[in-house]
Amino acid sequence: MNPRVRDLYKRFIVVGRDYPQGLPFVRDQVKAAFRRSADLSTDRELNAAVNKGRYMVREMIALIQLKKYRTLRSAYQTEEESSGGAVADLEARASAAAAKDAAQGRNEPQ
């Protein structure tokens, strides 16, 4: 077995541990893809397949990072922040303060 192919398989397994669908799913998909590409003979075909595999590993890492980000964001985000309530609340407070100042005559030029 070519060392680059073995290294690619190991990368898939390591990244697959954190993949949302789990390591068994990743392992089955990777094995099937490697079996489909088992008959590659030229160096050019092998390089293209390894490069495509490395691209897929990077895409898996991006998906894992996105899932972690969304989980953290949902854990710390309040209901008001998600609906835009915080901005509306600030605008309401500012307009109420301006109305109060106008009623007390603070905005008159001197």
PDB file of N, CA and C in Angstrom:
ATOM      1  N   MET A   1       0.844  -1.185   0.000  1.00  0.00           N
ATOM      2  CA  MET A   1       0.000   0.000   0.000  1.00  0.00           C
ATOM      3  C   MET A   1       0.881   1.236   0.000  1.00  0.00           C
ATOM      4  N   ASN A   2       0.465   2.196  -0.779  1.00  0.00           N
ATOM      5  CA  ASN A   2       1.187   3.451  -0.884  1.00  0.00           C
ATOM      6  C   ASN A   2       1.102   4.205   0.454  1.00  0.00           C
ATOM      7  N   PRO A   3       2.214   4.781   0.923  1.00  0.00           N
ATOM      8  CA  PRO A   3       2.195   5.496   2.208  1.00  0.00           C
ATOM      9  C   PRO A   3       1.227   6.689   2.227  1.00  0.00           C
ATOM     10  N   ARG A   4       1.050   7.355   1.087  1.00  0.00           N
ATOM     11  CA  ARG A   4       0.121   8.482   1.043  1.00  0.00           C
ATOM     12  C   ARG A   4      -1.326   8.020   1.237  1.00  0.00           C
ATOM     13  N   VAL A   5      -1.642   6.864   0.695  1.00  0.00           N
ATOM     14  CA  VAL A   5      -2.990   6.311   0.837  1.00  0.00           C
ATOM     15  C   VAL A   5      -3.223   5.902   2.286  1.00  0.00           C
ATOM     16  N   ARG A   6      -2.247   5.282   2.896  1.00  0.00           N
ATOM     17  CA  ARG A   6      -2.362   4.869   4.297  1.00  0.00           C
ATOM     18  C   ARG A   6      -2.521   6.101   5.203  1.00  0.00           C
ATOM     19  N   ASP A   7      -1.739   7.144   4.923  1.00  0.00           N
ATOM     20  CA  ASP A   7      -1.834   8.375   5.696  1.00  0.00           C
ATOM     21  C   ASP A   7      -3.220   9.010   5.535  1.00  0.00           C
ATOM     22  N   LEU A   8      -3.746   8.996   4.331  1.00  0.00           N
ATOM     23  CA  LEU A   8      -5.070   9.553   4.092  1.00  0.00           C
ATOM     24  C   LEU A   8      -6.136   8.785   4.868  1.00  0.00           C
ATOM     25  N   TYR A   9      -6.035   7.472   4.887  1.00  0.00           N
ATOM     26  CA  TYR A   9      -7.001   6.663   5.635  1.00  0.00           C
ATOM     27  C   TYR A   9      -6.939   7.004   7.132  1.00  0.00           C
ATOM     28  N   LYS A  10      -5.735   7.153   7.652  1.00  0.00           N
ATOM     29  CA  LYS A  10      -5.584   7.514   9.068  1.00  0.00           C
ATOM     30  C   LYS A  10      -6.189   8.878   9.361  1.00  0.00           C
ATOM     31  N   ARG A  11      -6.017   9.819   8.435  1.00  0.00           N
ATOM     32  CA  ARG A  11      -6.601  11.148   8.625  1.00  0.00           C
ATOM     33  C   ARG A  11      -8.121  11.060   8.696  1.00  0.00           C
ATOM     34  N   PHE A  12      -8.705  10.259   7.809  1.00  0.00           N
ATOM     35  CA  PHE A  12     -10.155  10.086   7.832  1.00  0.00           C
ATOM     36  C   PHE A  12     -10.620   9.516   9.170  1.00  0.00           C
ATOM     37  N   ILE A  13      -9.913   8.545   9.683  1.00  0.00           N
ATOM     38  CA  ILE A  13     -10.310   7.905  10.938  1.00  0.00           C
ATOM     39  C   ILE A  13     -10.192   8.888  12.105  1.00  0.00           C
ATOM     40  N   VAL A  14      -9.121   9.654  12.143  1.00  0.00           N
ATOM     41  CA  VAL A  14      -8.929  10.609  13.235  1.00  0.00           C
ATOM     42  C   VAL A  14     -10.012  11.698  13.192  1.00  0.00           C
ATOM     43  N   VAL A  15     -10.273  12.231  12.014  1.00  0.00           N
ATOM     44  CA  VAL A  15     -11.291  13.272  11.880  1.00  0.00           C
ATOM     45  C   VAL A  15     -12.683  12.677  12.112  1.00  0.00           C
ATOM     46  N   GLY A  16     -12.880  11.443  11.736  1.00  0.00           N
ATOM     47  CA  GLY A  16     -14.181  10.793  11.871  1.00  0.00           C
ATOM     48  C   GLY A  16     -14.631  10.621  13.307  1.00  0.00           C
ATOM     49  N   ARG A  17     -13.720  10.683  14.239  1.00  0.00           N
ATOM     50  CA  ARG A  17     -14.082  10.550  15.656  1.00  0.00           C
ATOM     51  C   ARG A  17     -15.007  11.669  16.111  1.00  0.00           C
ATOM     52  N   ASP A  18     -14.813  12.872  15.555  1.00  0.00           N
ATOM     53  CA  ASP A  18     -15.621  14.026  15.942  1.00  0.00           C
ATOM     54  C   ASP A  18     -16.741  14.315  14.955  1.00  0.00           C
ATOM     55  N   TYR A  19     -16.849  13.549  13.896  1.00  0.00           N
ATOM     56  CA  TYR A  19     -17.853  13.804  12.865  1.00  0.00           C
ATOM     57  C   TYR A  19     -19.254  13.611  13.442  1.00  0.00           C
ATOM     58  N   PRO A  20     -20.214  14.477  13.081  1.00  0.00           N
ATOM     59  CA  PRO A  20     -21.558  14.398  13.673  1.00  0.00           C
ATOM     60  C   PRO A  20     -22.256  13.051  13.498  1.00  0.00           C
ATOM     61  N   GLN A  21     -22.046  12.370  12.390  1.00  0.00           N
ATOM     62  CA  GLN A  21     -22.718  11.083  12.173  1.00  0.00           C
ATOM     63  C   GLN A  21     -21.962   9.913  12.776  1.00  0.00           C
ATOM     64  N   GLY A  22     -20.790  10.148  13.299  1.00  0.00           N
ATOM     65  CA  GLY A  22     -20.055   9.129  14.030  1.00  0.00           C
ATOM     66  C   GLY A  22     -18.988   8.424  13.222  1.00  0.00           C
ATOM     67  N   LEU A  23     -18.092   7.790  13.948  1.00  0.00           N
ATOM     68  CA  LEU A  23     -16.969   7.085  13.337  1.00  0.00           C
ATOM     69  C   LEU A  23     -17.404   5.884  12.493  1.00  0.00           C
ATOM     70  N   PRO A  24     -18.375   5.079  12.915  1.00  0.00           N
ATOM     71  CA  PRO A  24     -18.770   3.950  12.061  1.00  0.00           C
ATOM     72  C   PRO A  24     -19.267   4.382  10.677  1.00  0.00           C
ATOM     73  N   PHE A  25     -20.014   5.477  10.626  1.00  0.00           N
ATOM     74  CA  PHE A  25     -20.487   5.982   9.332  1.00  0.00           C
ATOM     75  C   PHE A  25     -19.309   6.389   8.452  1.00  0.00           C
ATOM     76  N   VAL A  26     -18.369   7.134   9.027  1.00  0.00           N
ATOM     77  CA  VAL A  26     -17.205   7.608   8.272  1.00  0.00           C
ATOM     78  C   VAL A  26     -16.379   6.421   7.795  1.00  0.00           C
ATOM     79  N   ARG A  27     -16.151   5.464   8.682  1.00  0.00           N
ATOM     80  CA  ARG A  27     -15.350   4.298   8.325  1.00  0.00           C
ATOM     81  C   ARG A  27     -15.974   3.536   7.157  1.00  0.00           C
ATOM     82  N   ASP A  28     -17.293   3.327   7.197  1.00  0.00           N
ATOM     83  CA  ASP A  28     -17.962   2.615   6.103  1.00  0.00           C
ATOM     84  C   ASP A  28     -17.860   3.370   4.784  1.00  0.00           C
ATOM     85  N   GLN A  29     -18.059   4.680   4.840  1.00  0.00           N
ATOM     86  CA  GLN A  29     -17.982   5.495   3.626  1.00  0.00           C
ATOM     87  C   GLN A  29     -16.568   5.512   3.046  1.00  0.00           C
ATOM     88  N   VAL A  30     -15.584   5.622   3.915  1.00  0.00           N
ATOM     89  CA  VAL A  30     -14.191   5.676   3.463  1.00  0.00           C
ATOM     90  C   VAL A  30     -13.768   4.335   2.868  1.00  0.00           C
ATOM     91  N   LYS A  31     -14.141   3.256   3.524  1.00  0.00           N
ATOM     92  CA  LYS A  31     -13.792   1.933   2.987  1.00  0.00           C
ATOM     93  C   LYS A  31     -14.405   1.720   1.611  1.00  0.00           C
ATOM     94  N   ALA A  32     -15.651   2.124   1.455  1.00  0.00           N
ATOM     95  CA  ALA A  32     -16.302   1.975   0.155  1.00  0.00           C
ATOM     96  C   ALA A  32     -15.598   2.806  -0.916  1.00  0.00           C
ATOM     97  N   ALA A  33     -15.214   4.033  -0.569  1.00  0.00           N
ATOM     98  CA  ALA A  33     -14.518   4.897  -1.533  1.00  0.00           C
ATOM     99  C   ALA A  33     -13.142   4.339  -1.881  1.00  0.00           C
ATOM    100  N   PHE A  34     -12.441   3.793  -0.891  1.00  0.00           N
ATOM    101  CA  PHE A  34     -11.120   3.226  -1.154  1.00  0.00           C
ATOM    102  C   PHE A  34     -11.236   1.976  -2.017  1.00  0.00           C
ATOM    103  N   ARG A  35     -12.253   1.189  -1.798  1.00  0.00           N
ATOM    104  CA  ARG A  35     -12.442  -0.015  -2.630  1.00  0.00           C
ATOM    105  C   ARG A  35     -12.778   0.361  -4.070  1.00  0.00           C
ATOM    106  N   ARG A  36     -13.558   1.412  -4.258  1.00  0.00           N
ATOM    107  CA  ARG A  36     -13.874   1.855  -5.621  1.00  0.00           C
ATOM    108  C   ARG A  36     -12.618   2.334  -6.342  1.00  0.00           C
ATOM    109  N   SER A  37     -11.653   2.866  -5.604  1.00  0.00           N
ATOM    110  CA  SER A  37     -10.431   3.413  -6.201  1.00  0.00           C
ATOM    111  C   SER A  37      -9.260   2.448  -6.117  1.00  0.00           C
ATOM    112  N   ALA A  38      -9.514   1.204  -5.820  1.00  0.00           N
ATOM    113  CA  ALA A  38      -8.425   0.233  -5.637  1.00  0.00           C
ATOM    114  C   ALA A  38      -7.690  -0.094  -6.929  1.00  0.00           C
ATOM    115  N   ASP A  39      -8.325   0.109  -8.063  1.00  0.00           N
ATOM    116  CA  ASP A  39      -7.699  -0.284  -9.333  1.00  0.00           C
ATOM    117  C   ASP A  39      -6.923   0.847 -10.007  1.00  0.00           C
ATOM    118  N   LEU A  40      -6.659   1.926  -9.302  1.00  0.00           N
ATOM    119  CA  LEU A  40      -5.875   3.016  -9.882  1.00  0.00           C
ATOM    120  C   LEU A  40      -4.447   2.550 -10.080  1.00  0.00           C
ATOM    121  N   SER A  41      -3.922   2.798 -11.283  1.00  0.00           N
ATOM    122  CA  SER A  41      -2.594   2.259 -11.582  1.00  0.00           C
ATOM    123  C   SER A  41      -1.545   3.344 -11.810  1.00  0.00           C
ATOM    124  N   THR A  42      -1.909   4.414 -12.457  1.00  0.00           N
ATOM    125  CA  THR A  42      -0.901   5.429 -12.755  1.00  0.00           C
ATOM    126  C   THR A  42      -0.722   6.385 -11.575  1.00  0.00           C
ATOM    127  N   ASP A  43       0.436   7.008 -11.577  1.00  0.00           N
ATOM    128  CA  ASP A  43       0.751   7.968 -10.519  1.00  0.00           C
ATOM    129  C   ASP A  43      -0.178   9.176 -10.575  1.00  0.00           C
ATOM    130  N   ARG A  44      -0.536   9.597 -11.763  1.00  0.00           N
ATOM    131  CA  ARG A  44      -1.416  10.751 -11.929  1.00  0.00           C
ATOM    132  C   ARG A  44      -2.800  10.475 -11.330  1.00  0.00           C
ATOM    133  N   GLU A  45      -3.346   9.296 -11.586  1.00  0.00           N
ATOM    134  CA  GLU A  45      -4.657   8.925 -11.028  1.00  0.00           C
ATOM    135  C   GLU A  45      -4.596   8.843  -9.503  1.00  0.00           C
ATOM    136  N   LEU A  46      -3.504   8.273  -9.009  1.00  0.00           N
ATOM    137  CA  LEU A  46      -3.335   8.149  -7.564  1.00  0.00           C
ATOM    138  C   LEU A  46      -3.236   9.521  -6.904  1.00  0.00           C
ATOM    139  N   ASN A  47      -2.461  10.434  -7.501  1.00  0.00           N
ATOM    140  CA  ASN A  47      -2.344  11.792  -6.960  1.00  0.00           C
ATOM    141  C   ASN A  47      -3.687  12.507  -6.943  1.00  0.00           C
ATOM    142  N   ALA A  48      -4.453  12.358  -8.015  1.00  0.00           N
ATOM    143  CA  ALA A  48      -5.765  13.009  -8.077  1.00  0.00           C
ATOM    144  C   ALA A  48      -6.688  12.456  -6.999  1.00  0.00           C
ATOM    145  N   ALA A  49      -6.680  11.151  -6.790  1.00  0.00           N
ATOM    146  CA  ALA A  49      -7.545  10.543  -5.772  1.00  0.00           C
ATOM    147  C   ALA A  49      -7.119  10.957  -4.365  1.00  0.00           C
ATOM    148  N   VAL A  50      -5.824  11.010  -4.108  1.00  0.00           N
ATOM    149  CA  VAL A  50      -5.329  11.418  -2.785  1.00  0.00           C
ATOM    150  C   VAL A  50      -5.663  12.889  -2.533  1.00  0.00           C
ATOM    151  N   ASN A  51      -5.503  13.737  -3.544  1.00  0.00           N
ATOM    152  CA  ASN A  51      -5.838  15.155  -3.383  1.00  0.00           C
ATOM    153  C   ASN A  51      -7.330  15.342  -3.125  1.00  0.00           C
ATOM    154  N   LYS A  52      -8.158  14.577  -3.794  1.00  0.00           N
ATOM    155  CA  LYS A  52      -9.599  14.652  -3.549  1.00  0.00           C
ATOM    156  C   LYS A  52      -9.919  14.189  -2.128  1.00  0.00           C
ATOM    157  N   GLY A  53      -9.235  13.159  -1.666  1.00  0.00           N
ATOM    158  CA  GLY A  53      -9.434  12.680  -0.302  1.00  0.00           C
ATOM    159  C   GLY A  53      -9.012  13.711   0.727  1.00  0.00           C
ATOM    160  N   ARG A  54      -7.909  14.384   0.501  1.00  0.00           N
ATOM    161  CA  ARG A  54      -7.457  15.426   1.426  1.00  0.00           C
ATOM    162  C   ARG A  54      -8.442  16.589   1.459  1.00  0.00           C
ATOM    163  N   TYR A  55      -9.016  16.905   0.296  1.00  0.00           N
ATOM    164  CA  TYR A  55     -10.040  17.939   0.239  1.00  0.00           C
ATOM    165  C   TYR A  55     -11.251  17.519   1.081  1.00  0.00           C
ATOM    166  N   MET A  56     -11.643  16.270   0.989  1.00  0.00           N
ATOM    167  CA  MET A  56     -12.785  15.783   1.756  1.00  0.00           C
ATOM    168  C   MET A  56     -12.502  15.838   3.260  1.00  0.00           C
ATOM    169  N   VAL A  57     -11.278  15.551   3.651  1.00  0.00           N
ATOM    170  CA  VAL A  57     -10.908  15.644   5.068  1.00  0.00           C
ATOM    171  C   VAL A  57     -11.048  17.090   5.552  1.00  0.00           C
ATOM    172  N   ARG A  58     -10.584  18.046   4.752  1.00  0.00           N
ATOM    173  CA  ARG A  58     -10.710  19.460   5.125  1.00  0.00           C
ATOM    174  C   ARG A  58     -12.180  19.871   5.224  1.00  0.00           C
ATOM    175  N   GLU A  59     -13.005  19.373   4.331  1.00  0.00           N
ATOM    176  CA  GLU A  59     -14.442  19.670   4.392  1.00  0.00           C
ATOM    177  C   GLU A  59     -15.068  19.076   5.646  1.00  0.00           C
ATOM    178  N   MET A  60     -14.647  17.889   6.029  1.00  0.00           N
ATOM    179  CA  MET A  60     -15.162  17.277   7.252  1.00  0.00           C
ATOM    180  C   MET A  60     -14.772  18.101   8.472  1.00  0.00           C
ATOM    181  N   ILE A  61     -13.535  18.585   8.499  1.00  0.00           N
ATOM    182  CA  ILE A  61     -13.070  19.416   9.608  1.00  0.00           C
ATOM    183  C   ILE A  61     -13.894  20.698   9.676  1.00  0.00           C
ATOM    184  N   ALA A  62     -14.181  21.298   8.533  1.00  0.00           N
ATOM    185  CA  ALA A  62     -14.993  22.522   8.513  1.00  0.00           C
ATOM    186  C   ALA A  62     -16.399  22.251   9.047  1.00  0.00           C
ATOM    187  N   LEU A  63     -16.969  21.125   8.688  1.00  0.00           N
ATOM    188  CA  LEU A  63     -18.303  20.778   9.173  1.00  0.00           C
ATOM    189  C   LEU A  63     -18.302  20.547  10.679  1.00  0.00           C
ATOM    190  N   ILE A  64     -17.273  19.910  11.183  1.00  0.00           N
ATOM    191  CA  ILE A  64     -17.154  19.669  12.624  1.00  0.00           C
ATOM    192  C   ILE A  64     -17.039  20.998  13.367  1.00  0.00           C
ATOM    193  N   GLN A  65     -16.219  21.915  12.853  1.00  0.00           N
ATOM    194  CA  GLN A  65     -16.054  23.218  13.489  1.00  0.00           C
ATOM    195  C   GLN A  65     -17.352  24.014  13.470  1.00  0.00           C
ATOM    196  N   LEU A  66     -18.095  23.933  12.378  1.00  0.00           N
ATOM    197  CA  LEU A  66     -19.370  24.624  12.288  1.00  0.00           C
ATOM    198  C   LEU A  66     -20.359  24.077  13.312  1.00  0.00           C
ATOM    199  N   LYS A  67     -20.391  22.767  13.468  1.00  0.00           N
ATOM    200  CA  LYS A  67     -21.296  22.157  14.438  1.00  0.00           C
ATOM    201  C   LYS A  67     -20.937  22.601  15.861  1.00  0.00           C
ATOM    202  N   LYS A  68     -19.649  22.624  16.183  1.00  0.00           N
ATOM    203  CA  LYS A  68     -19.219  23.056  17.507  1.00  0.00           C
ATOM    204  C   LYS A  68     -19.568  24.520  17.738  1.00  0.00           C
ATOM    205  N   TYR A  69     -19.378  25.362  16.738  1.00  0.00           N
ATOM    206  CA  TYR A  69     -19.690  26.784  16.852  1.00  0.00           C
ATOM    207  C   TYR A  69     -21.181  26.978  17.096  1.00  0.00           C
ATOM    208  N   ARG A  70     -22.006  26.289  16.330  1.00  0.00           N
ATOM    209  CA  ARG A  70     -23.451  26.438  16.498  1.00  0.00           C
ATOM    210  C   ARG A  70     -23.907  25.945  17.861  1.00  0.00           C
ATOM    211  N   THR A  71     -23.295  24.888  18.357  1.00  0.00           N
ATOM    212  CA  THR A  71     -23.655  24.372  19.674  1.00  0.00           C
ATOM    213  C   THR A  71     -23.300  25.381  20.759  1.00  0.00           C
ATOM    214  N   LEU A  72     -22.096  25.932  20.698  1.00  0.00           N
ATOM    215  CA  LEU A  72     -21.689  26.932  21.689  1.00  0.00           C
ATOM    216  C   LEU A  72     -22.549  28.193  21.600  1.00  0.00           C
ATOM    217  N   ARG A  73     -22.832  28.618  20.397  1.00  0.00           N
ATOM    218  CA  ARG A  73     -23.631  29.824  20.217  1.00  0.00           C
ATOM    219  C   ARG A  73     -25.033  29.633  20.780  1.00  0.00           C
ATOM    220  N   SER A  74     -25.632  28.488  20.532  1.00  0.00           N
ATOM    221  CA  SER A  74     -26.982  28.261  21.044  1.00  0.00           C
ATOM    222  C   SER A  74     -26.984  28.101  22.561  1.00  0.00           C
ATOM    223  N   ALA A  75     -25.876  27.653  23.136  1.00  0.00           N
ATOM    224  CA  ALA A  75     -25.813  27.488  24.583  1.00  0.00           C
ATOM    225  C   ALA A  75     -25.732  28.829  25.293  1.00  0.00           C
ATOM    226  N   TYR A  76     -25.114  29.821  24.671  1.00  0.00           N
ATOM    227  CA  TYR A  76     -24.909  31.110  25.324  1.00  0.00           C
ATOM    228  C   TYR A  76     -25.811  32.219  24.794  1.00  0.00           C
ATOM    229  N   GLN A  77     -26.594  31.947  23.805  1.00  0.00           N
ATOM    230  CA  GLN A  77     -27.459  32.964  23.230  1.00  0.00           C
ATOM    231  C   GLN A  77     -28.823  32.936  23.908  1.00  0.00           C
ATOM    232  N   THR A  78     -29.275  34.105  24.349  1.00  0.00           N
ATOM    233  CA  THR A  78     -30.581  34.170  24.990  1.00  0.00           C
ATOM    234  C   THR A  78     -31.664  34.280  23.933  1.00  0.00           C
ATOM    235  N   GLU A  79     -32.896  34.157  24.360  1.00  0.00           N
ATOM    236  CA  GLU A  79     -34.010  34.214  23.428  1.00  0.00           C
ATOM    237  C   GLU A  79     -34.161  35.613  22.835  1.00  0.00           C
ATOM    238  N   GLU A  80     -33.896  36.648  23.628  1.00  0.00           N
ATOM    239  CA  GLU A  80     -33.992  38.019  23.138  1.00  0.00           C
ATOM    240  C   GLU A  80     -32.963  38.298  22.057  1.00  0.00           C
ATOM    241  N   GLU A  81     -31.739  37.793  22.240  1.00  0.00           N
ATOM    242  CA  GLU A  81     -30.683  38.032  21.264  1.00  0.00           C
ATOM    243  C   GLU A  81     -30.988  37.357  19.949  1.00  0.00           C
ATOM    244  N   SER A  82     -31.593  36.196  19.998  1.00  0.00           N
ATOM    245  CA  SER A  82     -31.863  35.474  18.762  1.00  0.00           C
ATOM    246  C   SER A  82     -32.990  36.121  17.968  1.00  0.00           C
ATOM    247  N   SER A  83     -33.919  36.812  18.631  1.00  0.00           N
ATOM    248  CA  SER A  83     -35.034  37.432  17.925  1.00  0.00           C
ATOM    249  C   SER A  83     -34.795  38.909  17.635  1.00  0.00           C
ATOM    250  N   GLY A  84     -33.654  39.435  18.010  1.00  0.00           N
ATOM    251  CA  GLY A  84     -33.368  40.849  17.802  1.00  0.00           C
ATOM    252  C   GLY A  84     -33.971  41.720  18.885  1.00  0.00           C
ATOM    253  N   GLY A  85     -34.383  41.144  19.983  1.00  0.00           N
ATOM    254  CA  GLY A  85     -35.028  41.873  21.066  1.00  0.00           C
ATOM    255  C   GLY A  85     -34.111  42.856  21.749  1.00  0.00           C
ATOM    256  N   ALA A  86     -32.844  42.573  21.799  1.00  0.00           N
ATOM    257  CA  ALA A  86     -31.903  43.456  22.477  1.00  0.00           C
ATOM    258  C   ALA A  86     -31.802  44.788  21.754  1.00  0.00           C
ATOM    259  N   VAL A  87     -31.762  44.761  20.450  1.00  0.00           N
ATOM    260  CA  VAL A  87     -31.668  46.003  19.678  1.00  0.00           C
ATOM    261  C   VAL A  87     -32.957  46.799  19.828  1.00  0.00           C
ATOM    262  N   ALA A  88     -34.096  46.126  19.738  1.00  0.00           N
ATOM    263  CA  ALA A  88     -35.379  46.815  19.880  1.00  0.00           C
ATOM    264  C   ALA A  88     -35.514  47.409  21.278  1.00  0.00           C
ATOM    265  N   ASP A  89     -35.021  46.707  22.284  1.00  0.00           N
ATOM    266  CA  ASP A  89     -35.084  47.201  23.657  1.00  0.00           C
ATOM    267  C   ASP A  89     -34.235  48.462  23.824  1.00  0.00           C
ATOM    268  N   LEU A  90     -33.044  48.461  23.235  1.00  0.00           N
ATOM    269  CA  LEU A  90     -32.183  49.648  23.317  1.00  0.00           C
ATOM    270  C   LEU A  90     -32.817  50.838  22.613  1.00  0.00           C
ATOM    271  N   GLU A  91     -33.425  50.604  21.460  1.00  0.00           N
ATOM    272  CA  GLU A  91     -34.077  51.691  20.730  1.00  0.00           C
ATOM    273  C   GLU A  91     -35.248  52.248  21.532  1.00  0.00           C
ATOM    274  N   ALA A  92     -36.014  51.386  22.183  1.00  0.00           N
ATOM    275  CA  ALA A  92     -37.151  51.830  22.984  1.00  0.00           C
ATOM    276  C   ALA A  92     -36.677  52.655  24.179  1.00  0.00           C
ATOM    277  N   ARG A  93     -35.604  52.219  24.810  1.00  0.00           N
ATOM    278  CA  ARG A  93     -35.064  52.977  25.943  1.00  0.00           C
ATOM    279  C   ARG A  93     -34.569  54.354  25.506  1.00  0.00           C
ATOM    280  N   ALA A  94     -33.906  54.414  24.351  1.00  0.00           N
ATOM    281  CA  ALA A  94     -33.379  55.686  23.859  1.00  0.00           C
ATOM    282  C   ALA A  94     -34.519  56.648  23.529  1.00  0.00           C
ATOM    283  N   SER A  95     -35.554  56.161  22.891  1.00  0.00           N
ATOM    284  CA  SER A  95     -36.671  57.054  22.547  1.00  0.00           C
ATOM    285  C   SER A  95     -37.421  57.492  23.806  1.00  0.00           C
ATOM    286  N   ALA A  96     -37.534  56.610  24.797  1.00  0.00           N
ATOM    287  CA  ALA A  96     -38.191  56.975  26.058  1.00  0.00           C
ATOM    288  C   ALA A  96     -37.377  58.036  26.788  1.00  0.00           C
ATOM    289  N   ALA A  97     -36.069  57.906  26.792  1.00  0.00           N
ATOM    290  CA  ALA A  97     -35.209  58.896  27.449  1.00  0.00           C
ATOM    291  C   ALA A  97     -35.297  60.234  26.732  1.00  0.00           C
ATOM    292  N   ALA A  98     -35.348  60.218  25.397  1.00  0.00           N
ATOM    293  CA  ALA A  98     -35.460  61.464  24.635  1.00  0.00           C
ATOM    294  C   ALA A  98     -36.795  62.139  24.915  1.00  0.00           C
ATOM    295  N   ALA A  99     -37.861  61.353  25.014  1.00  0.00           N
ATOM    296  CA  ALA A  99     -39.184  61.923  25.308  1.00  0.00           C
ATOM    297  C   ALA A  99     -39.210  62.525  26.709  1.00  0.00           C
ATOM    298  N   LYS A 100     -38.567  61.863  27.646  1.00  0.00           N
ATOM    299  CA  LYS A 100     -38.520  62.356  29.025  1.00  0.00           C
ATOM    300  C   LYS A 100     -37.731  63.666  29.096  1.00  0.00           C
ATOM    301  N   ASP A 101     -36.600  63.714  28.381  1.00  0.00           N
ATOM    302  CA  ASP A 101     -35.792  64.928  28.353  1.00  0.00           C
ATOM    303  C   ASP A 101     -36.561  66.080  27.712  1.00  0.00           C
ATOM    304  N   ALA A 102     -37.294  65.812  26.667  1.00  0.00           N
ATOM    305  CA  ALA A 102     -38.072  66.838  25.986  1.00  0.00           C
ATOM    306  C   ALA A 102     -39.179  67.360  26.889  1.00  0.00           C
ATOM    307  N   ALA A 103     -39.771  66.458  27.666  1.00  0.00           N
ATOM    308  CA  ALA A 103     -40.842  66.868  28.573  1.00  0.00           C
ATOM    309  C   ALA A 103     -40.303  67.752  29.696  1.00  0.00           C
ATOM    310  N   GLN A 104     -39.058  67.532  30.088  1.00  0.00           N
ATOM    311  CA  GLN A 104     -38.484  68.322  31.166  1.00  0.00           C
ATOM    312  C   GLN A 104     -37.800  69.578  30.648  1.00  0.00           C
ATOM    313  N   GLY A 105     -37.738  69.734  29.338  1.00  0.00           N
ATOM    314  CA  GLY A 105     -37.190  70.948  28.753  1.00  0.00           C
ATOM    315  C   GLY A 105     -35.675  70.961  28.692  1.00  0.00           C
ATOM    316  N   ARG A 106     -35.029  69.826  28.670  1.00  0.00           N
ATOM    317  CA  ARG A 106     -33.559  69.781  28.647  1.00  0.00           C
ATOM    318  C   ARG A 106     -32.989  70.002  27.254  1.00  0.00           C
ATOM    319  N   ASN A 107     -33.761  69.854  26.216  1.00  0.00           N
ATOM    320  CA  ASN A 107     -33.240  69.978  24.870  1.00  0.00           C
ATOM    321  C   ASN A 107     -33.372  71.402  24.316  1.00  0.00           C
ATOM    322  N   GLU A 108     -33.723  72.380  25.158  1.00  0.00           N
ATOM    323  CA  GLU A 108     -33.861  73.749  24.711  1.00  0.00           C
ATOM    324  C   GLU A 108     -32.501  74.376  24.501  1.00  0.00           C
ATOM    325  N   PRO A 109     -32.337  75.141  23.405  1.00  0.00           N
ATOM    326  CA  PRO A 109     -31.040  75.803  23.180  1.00  0.00           C
ATOM    327  C   PRO A 109     -30.839  76.930  24.177  1.00  0.00           C
ATOM    328  N   GLN A 110     -29.620  77.205  24.545  1.00  0.00           N
ATOM    329  CA  GLN A 110     -29.313  78.238  25.543  1.00  0.00           C
ATOM    330  C   GLN A 110     -28.686  79.428  24.936  1.00  0.00           C
TER     331      GLN A 110
END
